Protein backbone atom coordinates (compact mmCIF):
# COMPACT_ATOMS: atom_id res chain seq x y z
CA MET A 1 74.47 92.84 87.68
CA ALA A 2 74.57 91.94 91.36
CA ASP A 3 72.70 94.11 93.84
CA THR A 4 74.62 95.84 96.60
CA LYS A 5 73.99 94.18 99.96
CA ALA A 6 73.83 95.90 103.30
CA ALA A 7 77.22 96.14 104.95
CA VAL A 8 77.75 93.72 107.79
CA ALA A 9 80.61 94.16 110.24
CA GLY A 10 83.05 91.25 110.07
CA GLU A 11 81.56 89.93 106.83
CA MET A 12 83.93 88.86 104.06
CA LEU A 13 84.53 91.53 101.45
CA GLU A 14 83.00 90.68 98.08
CA PHE A 15 83.25 92.45 94.74
CA PHE A 16 81.59 92.05 91.37
CA VAL A 17 82.86 93.03 87.90
CA ASP A 18 80.36 94.29 85.35
CA LYS A 19 81.64 92.59 82.19
CA GLU A 20 79.93 95.07 79.89
CA ALA A 21 81.70 98.00 81.56
CA CYS A 22 85.07 96.21 81.93
CA ILE A 23 87.60 97.15 79.23
CA GLY A 24 90.24 94.61 80.25
CA CYS A 25 92.81 97.15 81.43
CA VAL A 26 94.14 94.65 84.08
CA ALA A 27 94.42 97.41 86.72
CA CYS A 28 92.45 95.46 89.36
CA ALA A 29 94.32 92.20 88.70
CA GLU A 30 97.67 93.97 89.04
CA MET A 31 96.80 95.88 92.22
CA PHE A 32 94.69 93.19 93.94
CA PRO A 33 95.73 89.78 92.54
CA SER A 34 94.26 87.95 95.55
CA VAL A 35 90.77 89.14 94.54
CA PHE A 36 90.80 89.63 90.75
CA LYS A 37 92.18 87.76 87.76
CA MET A 38 91.86 88.09 84.01
CA ILE A 39 89.75 85.63 82.04
CA GLY A 40 90.53 86.44 78.45
CA ASP A 41 90.10 90.20 78.07
CA LYS A 42 87.78 90.63 81.05
CA ALA A 43 88.43 90.82 84.79
CA LEU A 44 86.81 88.44 87.25
CA ALA A 45 86.39 88.87 91.01
CA TYR A 46 87.29 85.25 91.76
CA ALA A 47 87.76 85.46 95.53
CA LYS A 48 86.47 87.26 98.60
CA ALA A 49 88.83 89.12 100.93
CA GLU A 50 89.16 89.10 104.70
CA PRO A 51 87.97 92.30 106.40
CA GLY A 52 90.94 94.64 106.59
CA ALA A 53 92.91 92.80 103.89
CA VAL A 54 92.02 95.44 101.29
CA LYS A 55 90.28 98.79 101.42
CA PRO A 56 87.00 98.50 99.47
CA SER A 57 87.07 102.18 98.43
CA LYS A 58 90.54 101.77 96.93
CA VAL A 59 89.52 98.58 95.12
CA VAL A 60 86.49 100.25 93.53
CA LYS A 61 88.46 103.35 92.53
CA CYS A 62 91.20 101.39 90.75
CA CYS A 63 88.79 100.86 87.86
CA PRO A 64 88.60 103.72 85.32
CA THR A 65 85.17 102.69 84.02
CA ASP A 66 83.48 101.96 87.39
CA ALA A 67 83.06 98.32 86.44
CA ILE A 68 83.88 97.09 89.97
CA LYS A 69 80.99 96.97 92.43
CA PHE A 70 81.28 96.40 96.19
CA VAL A 71 78.54 93.93 97.04
CA ALA A 72 79.22 92.61 100.55
CA GLY A 73 81.16 93.54 103.65
CA GLU A 74 81.88 96.79 105.45
CA MET A 75 82.96 99.88 103.51
CA ASP A 76 86.01 101.75 104.87
CA ALA A 77 84.28 105.10 105.22
CA GLY A 78 82.44 107.09 107.81
CA ASP A 79 84.93 106.54 110.63
CA ALA A 80 84.16 108.64 113.69
CA ALA A 81 86.34 111.69 114.14
CA ILE A 82 89.03 111.49 116.81
CA THR A 83 89.18 114.30 119.36
CA GLY A 84 92.24 113.08 121.27
CA LEU A 85 95.01 110.47 121.30
CA GLU A 86 96.92 108.77 124.10
CA PRO A 87 100.75 108.90 124.03
CA VAL A 88 102.51 105.60 123.32
CA PRO A 89 104.72 104.46 126.22
CA GLY A 90 108.41 104.70 125.34
CA TRP A 91 107.88 106.86 122.26
CA GLU A 92 110.75 109.16 123.27
CA ALA A 93 113.34 106.45 122.64
CA VAL A 94 111.92 105.69 119.20
CA TRP A 95 111.88 109.37 118.28
CA ALA A 96 115.50 109.74 119.44
CA GLU A 97 116.47 107.15 116.84
CA HIS A 98 114.73 109.03 114.03
CA LYS A 99 114.85 112.72 114.96
CA ASN A 100 117.76 113.35 112.59
CA ASP A 101 116.09 111.63 109.64
CA ARG A 102 115.86 114.17 106.83
CA GLU A 103 112.44 115.14 105.52
CA ASP A 104 112.01 114.28 101.85
CA LEU A 105 111.14 117.51 100.04
CA VAL A 106 109.38 115.58 97.26
CA GLU A 107 107.15 113.96 99.88
CA ARG A 108 106.25 117.41 101.15
CA GLU A 109 105.26 118.51 97.65
CA ARG A 110 103.13 115.38 97.16
CA ARG A 111 101.01 116.40 100.16
CA TYR A 112 99.97 119.50 98.22
CA GLY A 113 99.31 117.76 94.91
CA ARG A 114 102.35 119.34 93.27
CA VAL A 115 104.07 116.19 92.02
CA TYR A 116 102.46 115.11 88.77
CA GLN A 117 103.22 114.11 85.20
CA VAL A 118 101.28 114.68 82.01
CA LEU A 119 101.60 112.47 78.95
CA LYS A 120 100.19 113.70 75.66
CA GLU A 121 98.31 111.08 73.65
CA PRO A 122 96.95 111.30 70.08
CA LYS A 123 93.41 111.25 71.50
CA GLY A 124 94.02 113.25 74.67
CA PHE A 125 96.11 113.31 77.84
CA ILE A 126 97.11 111.16 80.81
CA LEU A 127 97.57 112.96 84.11
CA ARG A 128 99.23 111.10 87.00
CA ILE A 129 99.23 112.77 90.41
CA GLU A 130 101.53 111.18 92.96
CA LEU A 131 100.29 110.77 96.53
CA PRO A 132 102.54 110.68 99.63
CA THR A 133 104.36 107.46 100.41
CA ARG A 134 104.85 108.23 104.12
CA VAL A 135 103.88 110.65 106.87
CA PRO A 136 106.17 113.50 108.04
CA ASN A 137 109.06 112.82 110.42
CA HIS A 138 107.84 114.63 113.52
CA PRO A 139 107.89 113.85 117.28
CA THR A 140 104.11 113.83 117.63
CA ILE A 141 103.87 111.13 114.96
CA TYR A 142 105.93 108.86 117.22
CA MET A 143 104.22 110.12 120.37
CA TYR A 144 100.82 108.90 119.18
CA GLY A 145 101.96 105.80 117.30
CA ILE A 146 100.96 106.98 113.83
CA PRO A 147 101.88 104.39 111.13
CA GLN A 148 104.72 105.53 108.89
CA GLU A 149 103.39 103.98 105.70
CA ALA A 150 101.54 105.81 102.94
CA PRO A 151 98.28 107.42 104.07
CA GLU A 152 95.07 106.51 102.27
CA TYR A 153 93.23 109.23 100.35
CA GLU A 154 89.75 109.63 98.95
CA TYR A 155 89.39 111.90 95.94
CA THR A 156 87.09 113.53 93.43
CA VAL A 157 87.72 114.82 89.92
CA ASP A 158 85.43 117.45 88.42
CA GLN A 159 85.54 119.30 85.13
CA VAL A 160 85.15 123.00 86.01
CA ALA A 161 85.91 124.47 82.58
CA PRO A 162 86.31 123.10 79.03
CA ASP A 163 90.05 122.65 79.59
CA ILE A 164 90.31 122.41 83.41
CA LEU A 165 89.91 119.48 85.81
CA SER A 166 89.70 120.15 89.54
CA VAL A 167 91.18 117.38 91.70
CA ARG A 168 90.41 117.20 95.42
CA ALA A 169 92.08 114.61 97.65
CA ARG A 170 91.62 114.08 101.38
CA MET A 171 93.10 111.64 103.87
CA THR A 172 90.68 109.10 105.31
CA ASP A 173 92.37 107.81 108.47
CA PRO A 174 90.88 109.45 111.60
CA LYS A 175 94.26 109.54 113.39
CA LEU A 176 95.90 111.31 110.47
CA LYS A 177 93.02 113.78 110.23
CA PHE A 178 93.55 114.56 113.90
CA MET A 179 97.27 115.17 113.33
CA THR A 180 96.86 117.60 110.42
CA GLY A 181 97.38 121.16 111.53
CA LYS A 182 99.54 119.95 114.42
CA VAL A 183 102.47 118.97 112.19
CA ASN A 184 104.16 121.32 109.73
CA SER A 185 103.52 120.69 106.03
CA PHE A 186 100.90 118.04 106.76
CA PRO A 187 97.58 119.23 105.26
CA ILE A 188 94.49 117.06 105.47
CA GLY A 189 94.36 117.08 101.68
CA PHE A 190 94.71 119.26 98.63
CA LYS A 191 92.73 120.87 95.84
CA VAL A 192 94.45 121.61 92.56
CA ASP A 193 93.10 122.73 89.18
CA TYR A 194 94.91 121.28 86.16
CA ARG A 195 94.63 123.11 82.84
CA PHE A 196 95.07 121.08 79.65
CA PRO A 197 96.39 122.54 76.37
CA GLU A 198 92.96 122.18 74.76
CA PRO A 199 89.34 121.39 75.70
CA ILE A 200 88.60 117.87 76.91
CA GLY A 201 85.52 115.69 76.64
CA ALA A 202 85.23 112.24 78.21
CA MET A 203 87.26 111.68 81.36
CA TYR A 204 88.16 108.52 83.28
CA ARG A 205 89.92 108.27 86.65
CA ARG A 206 91.30 105.54 88.85
CA MET A 207 93.68 104.89 91.73
CA TYR A 208 97.00 103.43 90.62
CA VAL A 209 100.03 102.18 92.55
CA LYS A 210 101.46 105.64 93.29
CA GLY A 211 98.40 107.86 93.29
CA ILE A 212 95.60 109.14 91.06
CA GLU A 213 95.51 108.57 87.31
CA ILE A 214 93.23 110.53 84.99
CA TYR A 215 92.57 109.92 81.29
CA ALA A 216 91.22 113.05 79.64
CA PHE A 217 90.21 112.65 76.01
CA LYS A 218 90.05 115.60 73.65
CA GLU A 219 86.68 117.15 73.05
CA GLY A 220 84.84 115.35 70.27
CA VAL A 221 86.68 112.02 70.57
CA VAL A 222 84.27 109.09 70.30
CA ASP A 223 84.64 105.40 71.21
CA THR A 224 86.86 106.38 74.13
CA ASP A 225 86.65 102.90 75.69
CA LEU A 226 88.47 101.54 72.64
CA HIS A 227 91.41 103.89 73.27
CA LEU A 228 91.53 103.62 77.05
CA ARG A 229 93.19 100.21 77.36
CA THR A 230 96.01 101.26 75.02
CA ALA A 231 96.49 104.52 76.88
CA MET A 232 96.73 102.74 80.24
CA THR A 233 99.77 100.77 79.10
CA LYS A 234 101.77 103.94 78.45
CA LYS A 235 104.65 104.80 80.77
CA VAL A 236 105.37 108.36 81.86
CA ALA A 237 109.04 109.22 81.53
């Protein structure tokens, strides 16, 4: 396995796939085709990425078995907190065009971790938690030139009881962190405990296209890697 190198600003982003840990789920190749491709039933990091082209933390977290390692470049974490923002000239005209845009109530619920689906599997459960696809429609968003696209989140998943997983998600962009609390229904993140119908054992998690995906196998299930690839192909209705 390659050793992690010290991050160097401006250096090309490089990743490495541990073939022994890779289960061939194709998640990385589907989400980041410019960096990964499948060779048989294993993923390969065949190309480096320009700084800013992908977020290293998101790339690493798309793998449910932690097979992807970040080996060169600058990690997108540890940004300095912002204590103030300068208004964007002419923002009033842009806001006037959008002030009557209706707020999507589903988007609001996503910001609190309330939009999710659970799929029951023979060996366990798949939990998919949707993350927001855009920021709220609010004058201060336009005033400070906040991007409208989906905010990036970092997250953790912890088992706090035999049948409960606690999911914590938090926005990473310093500008968005600064705006939380100043805009209605725009929390910096969420914490939600999900209770499953029965105790769980092994647990895998990854980022997917719309949010966070968790594979929770029933307590006592063995050879979970063998079941994971099949489970990842399932669609939630």
